[in-house]
């Protein structure tokens, strides 16, 4: 945890990364807020805030007295959200720049293929 964004957002993103990568499969238990706090040497309330973001988003759910778990369909939802964000952040600006340079979609696809082959 070392970037300029709030720590609770970094915690939420790391848990999302672990879900997307399969390190935290659906229905698996996630570390408790106290475990996260101890490991990261932060206040448990900060860890809880990151976890609660994912609860509010339906990515995690609580089993009373047991802990937090990854919800069914969480990975699929996260991947869909990230694909949409990828399109907005990278594809749309790329296409706009290509249009401005007179690069056709076919030429752009060829350029991407060449780059991928490297």
PDB file of N, CA and C in Angstrom:
ATOM      1  N   UNK A   1       0.843  -1.168   0.000  1.00  0.00           N
ATOM      2  CA  UNK A   1       0.000   0.000   0.000  1.00  0.00           C
ATOM      3  C   UNK A   1       0.896   1.242   0.000  1.00  0.00           C
ATOM      4  N   UNK A   2       1.056   1.806  -1.170  1.00  0.00           N
ATOM      5  CA  UNK A   2       1.978   2.934  -1.207  1.00  0.00           C
ATOM      6  C   UNK A   2       1.603   3.981  -2.250  1.00  0.00           C
ATOM      7  N   UNK A   3       0.368   3.977  -2.693  1.00  0.00           N
ATOM      8  CA  UNK A   3       0.058   5.018  -3.674  1.00  0.00           C
ATOM      9  C   UNK A   3      -0.724   6.145  -3.013  1.00  0.00           C
ATOM     10  N   UNK A   4      -1.058   7.140  -3.776  1.00  0.00           N
ATOM     11  CA  UNK A   4      -1.645   8.344  -3.202  1.00  0.00           C
ATOM     12  C   UNK A   4      -3.138   8.218  -2.889  1.00  0.00           C
ATOM     13  N   UNK A   5      -3.757   7.128  -3.335  1.00  0.00           N
ATOM     14  CA  UNK A   5      -5.178   6.947  -3.053  1.00  0.00           C
ATOM     15  C   UNK A   5      -5.372   6.501  -1.609  1.00  0.00           C
ATOM     16  N   UNK A   6      -6.547   6.763  -1.039  1.00  0.00           N
ATOM     17  CA  UNK A   6      -6.802   6.335   0.340  1.00  0.00           C
ATOM     18  C   UNK A   6      -6.583   4.823   0.502  1.00  0.00           C
ATOM     19  N   UNK A   7      -6.085   4.446   1.662  1.00  0.00           N
ATOM     20  CA  UNK A   7      -5.752   3.045   1.935  1.00  0.00           C
ATOM     21  C   UNK A   7      -6.973   2.148   1.801  1.00  0.00           C
ATOM     22  N   UNK A   8      -8.153   2.613   2.242  1.00  0.00           N
ATOM     23  CA  UNK A   8      -9.334   1.755   2.163  1.00  0.00           C
ATOM     24  C   UNK A   8      -9.667   1.408   0.712  1.00  0.00           C
ATOM     25  N   UNK A   9      -9.427   2.340  -0.217  1.00  0.00           N
ATOM     26  CA  UNK A   9      -9.657   2.046  -1.638  1.00  0.00           C
ATOM     27  C   UNK A   9      -8.636   1.035  -2.145  1.00  0.00           C
ATOM     28  N   UNK A  10      -7.397   1.154  -1.688  1.00  0.00           N
ATOM     29  CA  UNK A  10      -6.360   0.208  -2.088  1.00  0.00           C
ATOM     30  C   UNK A  10      -6.683  -1.203  -1.583  1.00  0.00           C
ATOM     31  N   UNK A  11      -7.232  -1.287  -0.374  1.00  0.00           N
ATOM     32  CA  UNK A  11      -7.624  -2.586   0.192  1.00  0.00           C
ATOM     33  C   UNK A  11      -8.734  -3.196  -0.657  1.00  0.00           C
ATOM     34  N   UNK A  12      -9.738  -2.414  -0.967  1.00  0.00           N
ATOM     35  CA  UNK A  12     -10.845  -2.910  -1.793  1.00  0.00           C
ATOM     36  C   UNK A  12     -10.325  -3.382  -3.151  1.00  0.00           C
ATOM     37  N   UNK A  13      -9.440  -2.597  -3.755  1.00  0.00           N
ATOM     38  CA  UNK A  13      -8.904  -2.970  -5.060  1.00  0.00           C
ATOM     39  C   UNK A  13      -8.070  -4.244  -4.984  1.00  0.00           C
ATOM     40  N   UNK A  14      -7.288  -4.406  -3.921  1.00  0.00           N
ATOM     41  CA  UNK A  14      -6.482  -5.625  -3.788  1.00  0.00           C
ATOM     42  C   UNK A  14      -7.380  -6.848  -3.624  1.00  0.00           C
ATOM     43  N   UNK A  15      -8.436  -6.715  -2.851  1.00  0.00           N
ATOM     44  CA  UNK A  15      -9.373  -7.833  -2.713  1.00  0.00           C
ATOM     45  C   UNK A  15     -10.032  -8.139  -4.061  1.00  0.00           C
ATOM     46  N   UNK A  16     -10.402  -7.089  -4.801  1.00  0.00           N
ATOM     47  CA  UNK A  16     -10.969  -7.294  -6.143  1.00  0.00           C
ATOM     48  C   UNK A  16      -9.964  -8.017  -7.039  1.00  0.00           C
ATOM     49  N   UNK A  17      -8.700  -7.588  -6.994  1.00  0.00           N
ATOM     50  CA  UNK A  17      -7.659  -8.238  -7.803  1.00  0.00           C
ATOM     51  C   UNK A  17      -7.550  -9.719  -7.459  1.00  0.00           C
ATOM     52  N   UNK A  18      -7.612 -10.026  -6.163  1.00  0.00           N
ATOM     53  CA  UNK A  18      -7.521 -11.420  -5.728  1.00  0.00           C
ATOM     54  C   UNK A  18      -8.728 -12.236  -6.200  1.00  0.00           C
ATOM     55  N   UNK A  19      -9.889 -11.602  -6.275  1.00  0.00           N
ATOM     56  CA  UNK A  19     -11.082 -12.295  -6.767  1.00  0.00           C
ATOM     57  C   UNK A  19     -10.969 -12.524  -8.269  1.00  0.00           C
ATOM     58  N   UNK A  20     -10.568 -11.498  -9.004  1.00  0.00           N
ATOM     59  CA  UNK A  20     -10.435 -11.612 -10.463  1.00  0.00           C
ATOM     60  C   UNK A  20      -9.382 -12.662 -10.830  1.00  0.00           C
ATOM     61  N   UNK A  21      -8.273 -12.690 -10.101  1.00  0.00           N
ATOM     62  CA  UNK A  21      -7.186 -13.631 -10.408  1.00  0.00           C
ATOM     63  C   UNK A  21      -7.505 -15.067  -9.996  1.00  0.00           C
ATOM     64  N   UNK A  22      -8.522 -15.232  -9.142  1.00  0.00           N
ATOM     65  CA  UNK A  22      -8.865 -16.569  -8.660  1.00  0.00           C
ATOM     66  C   UNK A  22      -8.212 -16.911  -7.337  1.00  0.00           C
ATOM     67  N   UNK A  23      -7.375 -16.015  -6.804  1.00  0.00           N
ATOM     68  CA  UNK A  23      -6.753 -16.260  -5.507  1.00  0.00           C
ATOM     69  C   UNK A  23      -7.806 -16.329  -4.394  1.00  0.00           C
ATOM     70  N   UNK A  24      -8.897 -15.591  -4.584  1.00  0.00           N
ATOM     71  CA  UNK A  24     -10.051 -15.664  -3.677  1.00  0.00           C
ATOM     72  C   UNK A  24     -11.251 -16.128  -4.490  1.00  0.00           C
ATOM     73  N   UNK A  25     -11.474 -17.432  -4.574  1.00  0.00           N
ATOM     74  CA  UNK A  25     -12.607 -17.935  -5.357  1.00  0.00           C
ATOM     75  C   UNK A  25     -13.951 -17.588  -4.715  1.00  0.00           C
ATOM     76  N   UNK A  26     -14.988 -17.670  -5.519  1.00  0.00           N
ATOM     77  CA  UNK A  26     -16.334 -17.429  -5.005  1.00  0.00           C
ATOM     78  C   UNK A  26     -16.634 -18.401  -3.876  1.00  0.00           C
ATOM     79  N   UNK A  27     -17.306 -17.885  -2.877  1.00  0.00           N
ATOM     80  CA  UNK A  27     -17.687 -18.595  -1.657  1.00  0.00           C
ATOM     81  C   UNK A  27     -16.518 -18.853  -0.712  1.00  0.00           C
ATOM     82  N   UNK A  28     -15.322 -18.327  -1.033  1.00  0.00           N
ATOM     83  CA  UNK A  28     -14.203 -18.463  -0.097  1.00  0.00           C
ATOM     84  C   UNK A  28     -14.253 -17.321   0.910  1.00  0.00           C
ATOM     85  N   UNK A  29     -13.681 -17.569   2.072  1.00  0.00           N
ATOM     86  CA  UNK A  29     -13.660 -16.561   3.125  1.00  0.00           C
ATOM     87  C   UNK A  29     -12.508 -15.598   2.865  1.00  0.00           C
ATOM     88  N   UNK A  30     -12.761 -14.322   3.077  1.00  0.00           N
ATOM     89  CA  UNK A  30     -11.714 -13.305   2.937  1.00  0.00           C
ATOM     90  C   UNK A  30     -11.140 -13.009   4.319  1.00  0.00           C
ATOM     91  N   UNK A  31      -9.929 -12.471   4.361  1.00  0.00           N
ATOM     92  CA  UNK A  31      -9.359 -12.133   5.668  1.00  0.00           C
ATOM     93  C   UNK A  31     -10.268 -11.153   6.413  1.00  0.00           C
ATOM     94  N   UNK A  32     -10.285 -11.293   7.711  1.00  0.00           N
ATOM     95  CA  UNK A  32     -11.104 -10.384   8.533  1.00  0.00           C
ATOM     96  C   UNK A  32     -10.480  -8.992   8.528  1.00  0.00           C
ATOM     97  N   UNK A  33     -11.276  -8.027   8.941  1.00  0.00           N
ATOM     98  CA  UNK A  33     -10.745  -6.664   9.007  1.00  0.00           C
ATOM     99  C   UNK A  33      -9.594  -6.584  10.008  1.00  0.00           C
ATOM    100  N   UNK A  34      -9.678  -7.334  11.083  1.00  0.00           N
ATOM    101  CA  UNK A  34      -8.586  -7.351  12.064  1.00  0.00           C
ATOM    102  C   UNK A  34      -7.333  -7.980  11.475  1.00  0.00           C
ATOM    103  N   UNK A  35      -7.496  -9.047  10.684  1.00  0.00           N
ATOM    104  CA  UNK A  35      -6.337  -9.667  10.033  1.00  0.00           C
ATOM    105  C   UNK A  35      -5.707  -8.707   9.027  1.00  0.00           C
ATOM    106  N   UNK A  36      -6.546  -8.055   8.238  1.00  0.00           N
ATOM    107  CA  UNK A  36      -6.035  -7.078   7.267  1.00  0.00           C
ATOM    108  C   UNK A  36      -5.311  -5.941   7.984  1.00  0.00           C
ATOM    109  N   UNK A  37      -5.912  -5.459   9.060  1.00  0.00           N
ATOM    110  CA  UNK A  37      -5.324  -4.355   9.808  1.00  0.00           C
ATOM    111  C   UNK A  37      -3.964  -4.745  10.402  1.00  0.00           C
ATOM    112  N   UNK A  38      -3.895  -5.934  10.967  1.00  0.00           N
ATOM    113  CA  UNK A  38      -2.632  -6.386  11.565  1.00  0.00           C
ATOM    114  C   UNK A  38      -1.564  -6.567  10.493  1.00  0.00           C
ATOM    115  N   UNK A  39      -1.939  -7.186   9.379  1.00  0.00           N
ATOM    116  CA  UNK A  39      -0.986  -7.446   8.297  1.00  0.00           C
ATOM    117  C   UNK A  39      -0.472  -6.143   7.686  1.00  0.00           C
ATOM    118  N   UNK A  40      -1.374  -5.189   7.490  1.00  0.00           N
ATOM    119  CA  UNK A  40      -1.012  -3.926   6.845  1.00  0.00           C
ATOM    120  C   UNK A  40      -0.592  -2.839   7.836  1.00  0.00           C
ATOM    121  N   UNK A  41      -0.726  -3.146   9.128  1.00  0.00           N
ATOM    122  CA  UNK A  41      -0.403  -2.197  10.194  1.00  0.00           C
ATOM    123  C   UNK A  41      -1.190  -0.894  10.035  1.00  0.00           C
ATOM    124  N   UNK A  42      -2.504  -1.084   9.956  1.00  0.00           N
ATOM    125  CA  UNK A  42      -3.414   0.058   9.839  1.00  0.00           C
ATOM    126  C   UNK A  42      -4.531  -0.098  10.860  1.00  0.00           C
ATOM    127  N   UNK A  43      -5.341   0.910  10.976  1.00  0.00           N
ATOM    128  CA  UNK A  43      -6.488   0.890  11.876  1.00  0.00           C
ATOM    129  C   UNK A  43      -7.539  -0.083  11.326  1.00  0.00           C
ATOM    130  N   UNK A  44      -8.113  -0.937  12.180  1.00  0.00           N
ATOM    131  CA  UNK A  44      -9.159  -1.859  11.718  1.00  0.00           C
ATOM    132  C   UNK A  44     -10.348  -1.155  11.060  1.00  0.00           C
ATOM    133  N   UNK A  45     -10.648   0.068  11.487  1.00  0.00           N
ATOM    134  CA  UNK A  45     -11.756   0.811  10.875  1.00  0.00           C
ATOM    135  C   UNK A  45     -11.456   1.121   9.407  1.00  0.00           C
ATOM    136  N   UNK A  46     -10.193   1.379   9.101  1.00  0.00           N
ATOM    137  CA  UNK A  46      -9.794   1.644   7.719  1.00  0.00           C
ATOM    138  C   UNK A  46      -9.953   0.380   6.876  1.00  0.00           C
ATOM    139  N   UNK A  47      -9.506  -0.742   7.419  1.00  0.00           N
ATOM    140  CA  UNK A  47      -9.669  -2.015   6.720  1.00  0.00           C
ATOM    141  C   UNK A  47     -11.152  -2.317   6.521  1.00  0.00           C
ATOM    142  N   UNK A  48     -11.939  -2.061   7.554  1.00  0.00           N
ATOM    143  CA  UNK A  48     -13.380  -2.291   7.481  1.00  0.00           C
ATOM    144  C   UNK A  48     -14.050  -1.449   6.421  1.00  0.00           C
ATOM    145  N   UNK A  49     -13.578  -0.235   6.260  1.00  0.00           N
ATOM    146  CA  UNK A  49     -14.148   0.652   5.249  1.00  0.00           C
ATOM    147  C   UNK A  49     -13.913   0.087   3.842  1.00  0.00           C
ATOM    148  N   UNK A  50     -12.734  -0.462   3.604  1.00  0.00           N
ATOM    149  CA  UNK A  50     -12.444  -1.079   2.305  1.00  0.00           C
ATOM    150  C   UNK A  50     -13.293  -2.306   2.050  1.00  0.00           C
ATOM    151  N   UNK A  51     -13.429  -3.146   3.066  1.00  0.00           N
ATOM    152  CA  UNK A  51     -14.250  -4.353   2.949  1.00  0.00           C
ATOM    153  C   UNK A  51     -15.711  -3.977   2.735  1.00  0.00           C
ATOM    154  N   UNK A  52     -16.185  -2.974   3.471  1.00  0.00           N
ATOM    155  CA  UNK A  52     -17.590  -2.573   3.348  1.00  0.00           C
ATOM    156  C   UNK A  52     -17.933  -2.026   1.965  1.00  0.00           C
ATOM    157  N   UNK A  53     -16.971  -1.418   1.288  1.00  0.00           N
ATOM    158  CA  UNK A  53     -17.216  -0.989  -0.098  1.00  0.00           C
ATOM    159  C   UNK A  53     -17.619  -2.184  -0.958  1.00  0.00           C
ATOM    160  N   UNK A  54     -16.944  -3.302  -0.741  1.00  0.00           N
ATOM    161  CA  UNK A  54     -17.231  -4.502  -1.535  1.00  0.00           C
ATOM    162  C   UNK A  54     -18.528  -5.179  -1.091  1.00  0.00           C
ATOM    163  N   UNK A  55     -18.861  -5.043   0.177  1.00  0.00           N
ATOM    164  CA  UNK A  55     -20.148  -5.562   0.656  1.00  0.00           C
ATOM    165  C   UNK A  55     -21.276  -4.770   0.007  1.00  0.00           C
ATOM    166  N   UNK A  56     -21.144  -3.443   0.014  1.00  0.00           N
ATOM    167  CA  UNK A  56     -22.166  -2.578  -0.585  1.00  0.00           C
ATOM    168  C   UNK A  56     -22.330  -2.844  -2.079  1.00  0.00           C
ATOM    169  N   UNK A  57     -21.244  -3.248  -2.731  1.00  0.00           N
ATOM    170  CA  UNK A  57     -21.286  -3.528  -4.165  1.00  0.00           C
ATOM    171  C   UNK A  57     -21.762  -4.951  -4.467  1.00  0.00           C
ATOM    172  N   UNK A  58     -22.004  -5.747  -3.422  1.00  0.00           N
ATOM    173  CA  UNK A  58     -22.469  -7.116  -3.621  1.00  0.00           C
ATOM    174  C   UNK A  58     -21.365  -8.085  -3.999  1.00  0.00           C
ATOM    175  N   UNK A  59     -20.123  -7.691  -3.821  1.00  0.00           N
ATOM    176  CA  UNK A  59     -18.980  -8.547  -4.145  1.00  0.00           C
ATOM    177  C   UNK A  59     -18.675  -9.485  -2.976  1.00  0.00           C
ATOM    178  N   UNK A  60     -18.831  -8.978  -1.772  1.00  0.00           N
ATOM    179  CA  UNK A  60     -18.650  -9.769  -0.554  1.00  0.00           C
ATOM    180  C   UNK A  60     -19.963  -9.803   0.213  1.00  0.00           C
ATOM    181  N   UNK A  61     -20.120 -10.818   1.037  1.00  0.00           N
ATOM    182  CA  UNK A  61     -21.275 -10.859   1.933  1.00  0.00           C
ATOM    183  C   UNK A  61     -20.829 -11.423   3.273  1.00  0.00           C
ATOM    184  N   UNK A  62     -21.591 -11.109   4.297  1.00  0.00           N
ATOM    185  CA  UNK A  62     -21.246 -11.508   5.656  1.00  0.00           C
ATOM    186  C   UNK A  62     -22.064 -12.707   6.098  1.00  0.00           C
ATOM    187  N   UNK A  63     -21.370 -13.686   6.668  1.00  0.00           N
ATOM    188  CA  UNK A  63     -22.043 -14.789   7.357  1.00  0.00           C
ATOM    189  C   UNK A  63     -21.895 -14.476   8.838  1.00  0.00           C
ATOM    190  N   UNK A  64     -23.013 -14.199   9.449  1.00  0.00           N
ATOM    191  CA  UNK A  64     -23.010 -13.754  10.842  1.00  0.00           C
ATOM    192  C   UNK A  64     -22.218 -14.716  11.730  1.00  0.00           C
ATOM    193  N   UNK A  65     -21.274 -14.142  12.469  1.00  0.00           N
ATOM    194  CA  UNK A  65     -20.471 -14.917  13.408  1.00  0.00           C
ATOM    195  C   UNK A  65     -19.343 -15.711  12.766  1.00  0.00           C
ATOM    196  N   UNK A  66     -19.265 -15.691  11.434  1.00  0.00           N
ATOM    197  CA  UNK A  66     -18.226 -16.471  10.747  1.00  0.00           C
ATOM    198  C   UNK A  66     -17.231 -15.570  10.028  1.00  0.00           C
ATOM    199  N   UNK A  67     -17.749 -14.600   9.269  1.00  0.00           N
ATOM    200  CA  UNK A  67     -16.859 -13.690   8.556  1.00  0.00           C
ATOM    201  C   UNK A  67     -17.418 -13.281   7.211  1.00  0.00           C
ATOM    202  N   UNK A  68     -16.541 -12.716   6.394  1.00  0.00           N
ATOM    203  CA  UNK A  68     -16.893 -12.238   5.055  1.00  0.00           C
ATOM    204  C   UNK A  68     -16.500 -13.267   4.012  1.00  0.00           C
ATOM    205  N   UNK A  69     -17.352 -13.370   2.982  1.00  0.00           N
ATOM    206  CA  UNK A  69     -17.132 -14.342   1.917  1.00  0.00           C
ATOM    207  C   UNK A  69     -17.349 -13.692   0.556  1.00  0.00           C
ATOM    208  N   UNK A  70     -16.724 -14.276  -0.453  1.00  0.00           N
ATOM    209  CA  UNK A  70     -16.879 -13.801  -1.830  1.00  0.00           C
ATOM    210  C   UNK A  70     -18.229 -14.294  -2.348  1.00  0.00           C
ATOM    211  N   UNK A  71     -19.014 -13.387  -2.879  1.00  0.00           N
ATOM    212  CA  UNK A  71     -20.356 -13.713  -3.368  1.00  0.00           C
ATOM    213  C   UNK A  71     -20.293 -14.489  -4.682  1.00  0.00           C
ATOM    214  N   UNK A  72     -21.328 -15.303  -4.921  1.00  0.00           N
ATOM    215  CA  UNK A  72     -21.485 -15.962  -6.215  1.00  0.00           C
ATOM    216  C   UNK A  72     -21.576 -14.902  -7.303  1.00  0.00           C
ATOM    217  N   UNK A  73     -20.896 -15.104  -8.406  1.00  0.00           N
ATOM    218  CA  UNK A  73     -20.946 -14.174  -9.521  1.00  0.00           C
ATOM    219  C   UNK A  73     -20.061 -12.954  -9.361  1.00  0.00           C
ATOM    220  N   UNK A  74     -19.321 -12.857  -8.247  1.00  0.00           N
ATOM    221  CA  UNK A  74     -18.494 -11.675  -7.985  1.00  0.00           C
ATOM    222  C   UNK A  74     -17.411 -11.502  -9.049  1.00  0.00           C
ATOM    223  N   UNK A  75     -16.738 -12.582  -9.398  1.00  0.00           N
ATOM    224  CA  UNK A  75     -15.665 -12.479 -10.392  1.00  0.00           C
ATOM    225  C   UNK A  75     -16.206 -11.987 -11.732  1.00  0.00           C
ATOM    226  N   UNK A  76     -17.312 -12.564 -12.157  1.00  0.00           N
ATOM    227  CA  UNK A  76     -17.924 -12.175 -13.431  1.00  0.00           C
ATOM    228  C   UNK A  76     -18.301 -10.689 -13.432  1.00  0.00           C
ATOM    229  N   UNK A  77     -18.887 -10.215 -12.334  1.00  0.00           N
ATOM    230  CA  UNK A  77     -19.264  -8.801 -12.242  1.00  0.00           C
ATOM    231  C   UNK A  77     -18.038  -7.892 -12.271  1.00  0.00           C
ATOM    232  N   UNK A  78     -16.987  -8.286 -11.543  1.00  0.00           N
ATOM    233  CA  UNK A  78     -15.775  -7.473 -11.518  1.00  0.00           C
ATOM    234  C   UNK A  78     -15.109  -7.422 -12.887  1.00  0.00           C
ATOM    235  N   UNK A  79     -15.046  -8.561 -13.565  1.00  0.00           N
ATOM    236  CA  UNK A  79     -14.441  -8.591 -14.897  1.00  0.00           C
ATOM    237  C   UNK A  79     -15.243  -7.707 -15.856  1.00  0.00           C
ATOM    238  N   UNK A  80     -16.569  -7.767 -15.786  1.00  0.00           N
ATOM    239  CA  UNK A  80     -17.411  -6.932 -16.654  1.00  0.00           C
ATOM    240  C   UNK A  80     -17.176  -5.447 -16.364  1.00  0.00           C
ATOM    241  N   UNK A  81     -17.090  -5.088 -15.086  1.00  0.00           N
ATOM    242  CA  UNK A  81     -16.835  -3.694 -14.715  1.00  0.00           C
ATOM    243  C   UNK A  81     -15.477  -3.235 -15.236  1.00  0.00           C
ATOM    244  N   UNK A  82     -14.485  -4.096 -15.115  1.00  0.00           N
ATOM    245  CA  UNK A  82     -13.138  -3.725 -15.559  1.00  0.00           C
ATOM    246  C   UNK A  82     -13.054  -3.633 -17.077  1.00  0.00           C
ATOM    247  N   UNK A  83     -13.785  -4.481 -17.769  1.00  0.00           N
ATOM    248  CA  UNK A  83     -13.812  -4.374 -19.233  1.00  0.00           C
ATOM    249  C   UNK A  83     -14.443  -3.063 -19.671  1.00  0.00           C
ATOM    250  N   UNK A  84     -15.535  -2.685 -19.016  1.00  0.00           N
ATOM    251  CA  UNK A  84     -16.184  -1.411 -19.333  1.00  0.00           C
ATOM    252  C   UNK A  84     -15.242  -0.246 -19.062  1.00  0.00           C
ATOM    253  N   UNK A  85     -14.551  -0.287 -17.919  1.00  0.00           N
ATOM    254  CA  UNK A  85     -13.605   0.775 -17.565  1.00  0.00           C
ATOM    255  C   UNK A  85     -12.438   0.813 -18.556  1.00  0.00           C
ATOM    256  N   UNK A  86     -11.977  -0.369 -18.991  1.00  0.00           N
ATOM    257  CA  UNK A  86     -10.900  -0.455 -19.981  1.00  0.00           C
ATOM    258  C   UNK A  86     -11.328   0.208 -21.292  1.00  0.00           C
ATOM    259  N   UNK A  87     -12.548  -0.088 -21.696  1.00  0.00           N
ATOM    260  CA  UNK A  87     -13.074   0.512 -22.929  1.00  0.00           C
ATOM    261  C   UNK A  87     -13.096   2.034 -22.812  1.00  0.00           C
ATOM    262  N   UNK A  88     -13.604   2.542 -21.698  1.00  0.00           N
ATOM    263  CA  UNK A  88     -13.707   3.993 -21.498  1.00  0.00           C
ATOM    264  C   UNK A  88     -12.343   4.669 -21.390  1.00  0.00           C
ATOM    265  N   UNK A  89     -11.421   4.039 -20.663  1.00  0.00           N
ATOM    266  CA  UNK A  89     -10.139   4.680 -20.386  1.00  0.00           C
ATOM    267  C   UNK A  89      -9.119   4.519 -21.507  1.00  0.00           C
ATOM    268  N   UNK A  90      -9.210   3.413 -22.256  1.00  0.00           N
ATOM    269  CA  UNK A  90      -8.168   3.135 -23.238  1.00  0.00           C
ATOM    270  C   UNK A  90      -8.680   3.044 -24.675  1.00  0.00           C
ATOM    271  N   UNK A  91      -9.733   2.298 -24.899  1.00  0.00           N
ATOM    272  CA  UNK A  91     -10.198   2.054 -26.264  1.00  0.00           C
ATOM    273  C   UNK A  91     -10.791   3.319 -26.885  1.00  0.00           C
ATOM    274  N   UNK A  92     -11.691   3.987 -26.177  1.00  0.00           N
ATOM    275  CA  UNK A  92     -12.321   5.191 -26.731  1.00  0.00           C
ATOM    276  C   UNK A  92     -11.284   6.267 -27.067  1.00  0.00           C
ATOM    277  N   UNK A  93     -10.338   6.584 -26.149  1.00  0.00           N
ATOM    278  CA  UNK A  93      -9.322   7.579 -26.510  1.00  0.00           C
ATOM    279  C   UNK A  93      -8.407   7.106 -27.653  1.00  0.00           C
ATOM    280  N   UNK A  94      -8.106   5.811 -27.681  1.00  0.00           N
ATOM    281  CA  UNK A  94      -7.272   5.258 -28.750  1.00  0.00           C
ATOM    282  C   UNK A  94      -7.953   5.441 -30.102  1.00  0.00           C
ATOM    283  N   UNK A  95      -9.231   5.119 -30.162  1.00  0.00           N
ATOM    284  CA  UNK A  95      -9.979   5.271 -31.415  1.00  0.00           C
ATOM    285  C   UNK A  95     -10.077   6.742 -31.829  1.00  0.00           C
ATOM    286  N   UNK A  96     -10.279   7.618 -30.862  1.00  0.00           N
ATOM    287  CA  UNK A  96     -10.362   9.049 -31.177  1.00  0.00           C
ATOM    288  C   UNK A  96      -9.037   9.551 -31.755  1.00  0.00           C
ATOM    289  N   UNK A  97      -7.935   9.145 -31.149  1.00  0.00           N
ATOM    290  CA  UNK A  97      -6.620   9.548 -31.650  1.00  0.00           C
ATOM    291  C   UNK A  97      -6.358   8.948 -33.030  1.00  0.00           C
ATOM    292  N   UNK A  98      -6.725   7.680 -33.205  1.00  0.00           N
ATOM    293  CA  UNK A  98      -6.536   7.030 -34.510  1.00  0.00           C
ATOM    294  C   UNK A  98      -7.326   7.757 -35.593  1.00  0.00           C
ATOM    295  N   UNK A  99      -8.571   8.102 -35.280  1.00  0.00           N
ATOM    296  CA  UNK A  99      -9.380   8.843 -36.258  1.00  0.00           C
ATOM    297  C   UNK A  99      -8.700  10.157 -36.641  1.00  0.00           C
ATOM    298  N   UNK A 100      -8.195  10.848 -35.654  1.00  0.00           N
ATOM    299  CA  UNK A 100      -7.519  12.116 -35.887  1.00  0.00           C
ATOM    300  C   UNK A 100      -6.281  11.981 -36.746  1.00  0.00           C
ATOM    301  N   UNK A 101      -5.663  10.818 -36.703  1.00  0.00           N
ATOM    302  CA  UNK A 101      -4.460  10.564 -37.497  1.00  0.00           C
ATOM    303  C   UNK A 101      -4.770   9.888 -38.821  1.00  0.00           C
ATOM    304  N   UNK A 102      -6.053   9.645 -39.076  1.00  0.00           N
ATOM    305  CA  UNK A 102      -6.447   9.001 -40.321  1.00  0.00           C
ATOM    306  C   UNK A 102      -6.174   7.508 -40.350  1.00  0.00           C
ATOM    307  N   UNK A 103      -6.070   6.893 -39.176  1.00  0.00           N
ATOM    308  CA  UNK A 103      -5.840   5.443 -39.086  1.00  0.00           C
ATOM    309  C   UNK A 103      -7.193   4.761 -39.050  1.00  0.00           C
ATOM    310  N   UNK A 104      -7.417   3.837 -39.969  1.00  0.00           N
ATOM    311  CA  UNK A 104      -8.695   3.121 -40.019  1.00  0.00           C
ATOM    312  C   UNK A 104      -8.724   2.042 -38.939  1.00  0.00           C
ATOM    313  N   UNK A 105      -9.918   1.563 -38.597  1.00  0.00           N
ATOM    314  CA  UNK A 105      -9.998   0.464 -37.624  1.00  0.00           C
ATOM    315  C   UNK A 105      -9.212  -0.773 -38.087  1.00  0.00           C
ATOM    316  N   UNK A 106      -9.213  -1.048 -39.377  1.00  0.00           N
ATOM    317  CA  UNK A 106      -8.464  -2.198 -39.901  1.00  0.00           C
ATOM    318  C   UNK A 106      -6.964  -1.992 -39.699  1.00  0.00           C
ATOM    319  N   UNK A 107      -6.490  -0.787 -39.999  1.00  0.00           N
ATOM    320  CA  UNK A 107      -5.074  -0.489 -39.800  1.00  0.00           C
ATOM    321  C   UNK A 107      -4.707  -0.558 -38.313  1.00  0.00           C
ATOM    322  N   UNK A 108      -5.593  -0.054 -37.486  1.00  0.00           N
ATOM    323  CA  UNK A 108      -5.360  -0.087 -36.047  1.00  0.00           C
ATOM    324  C   UNK A 108      -5.286  -1.524 -35.545  1.00  0.00           C
ATOM    325  N   UNK A 109      -6.188  -2.364 -36.002  1.00  0.00           N
ATOM    326  CA  UNK A 109      -6.174  -3.779 -35.612  1.00  0.00           C
ATOM    327  C   UNK A 109      -4.861  -4.436 -36.042  1.00  0.00           C
ATOM    328  N   UNK A 110      -4.390  -4.099 -37.242  1.00  0.00           N
ATOM    329  CA  UNK A 110      -3.127  -4.650 -37.734  1.00  0.00           C
ATOM    330  C   UNK A 110      -1.963  -4.180 -36.845  1.00  0.00           C
ATOM    331  N   UNK A 111      -1.978  -2.916 -36.483  1.00  0.00           N
ATOM    332  CA  UNK A 111      -0.932  -2.372 -35.617  1.00  0.00           C
ATOM    333  C   UNK A 111      -0.922  -3.095 -34.247  1.00  0.00           C
ATOM    334  N   UNK A 112      -2.111  -3.335 -33.717  1.00  0.00           N
ATOM    335  CA  UNK A 112      -2.216  -4.039 -32.437  1.00  0.00           C
ATOM    336  C   UNK A 112      -1.691  -5.463 -32.584  1.00  0.00           C
ATOM    337  N   UNK A 113      -2.052  -6.134 -33.682  1.00  0.00           N
ATOM    338  CA  UNK A 113      -1.569  -7.486 -33.943  1.00  0.00           C
ATOM    339  C   UNK A 113      -0.049  -7.538 -34.040  1.00  0.00           C
ATOM    340  N   UNK A 114       0.535  -6.546 -34.717  1.00  0.00           N
ATOM    341  CA  UNK A 114       1.989  -6.497 -34.846  1.00  0.00           C
ATOM    342  C   UNK A 114       2.632  -6.297 -33.476  1.00  0.00           C
ATOM    343  N   UNK A 115       2.071  -5.414 -32.692  1.00  0.00           N
ATOM    344  CA  UNK A 115       2.614  -5.133 -31.368  1.00  0.00           C
ATOM    345  C   UNK A 115       2.516  -6.361 -30.464  1.00  0.00           C
ATOM    346  N   UNK A 116       1.393  -7.055 -30.570  1.00  0.00           N
ATOM    347  CA  UNK A 116       1.170  -8.249 -29.752  1.00  0.00           C
ATOM    348  C   UNK A 116       2.138  -9.365 -30.112  1.00  0.00           C
ATOM    349  N   UNK A 117       2.566  -9.405 -31.381  1.00  0.00           N
ATOM    350  CA  UNK A 117       3.461 -10.459 -31.858  1.00  0.00           C
ATOM    351  C   UNK A 117       4.904 -10.246 -31.359  1.00  0.00           C
ATOM    352  N   UNK A 118       5.206  -9.041 -30.910  1.00  0.00           N
ATOM    353  CA  UNK A 118       6.578  -8.760 -30.445  1.00  0.00           C
ATOM    354  C   UNK A 118       6.930  -9.511 -29.214  1.00  0.00           C
TER     355      UNK A 118
END
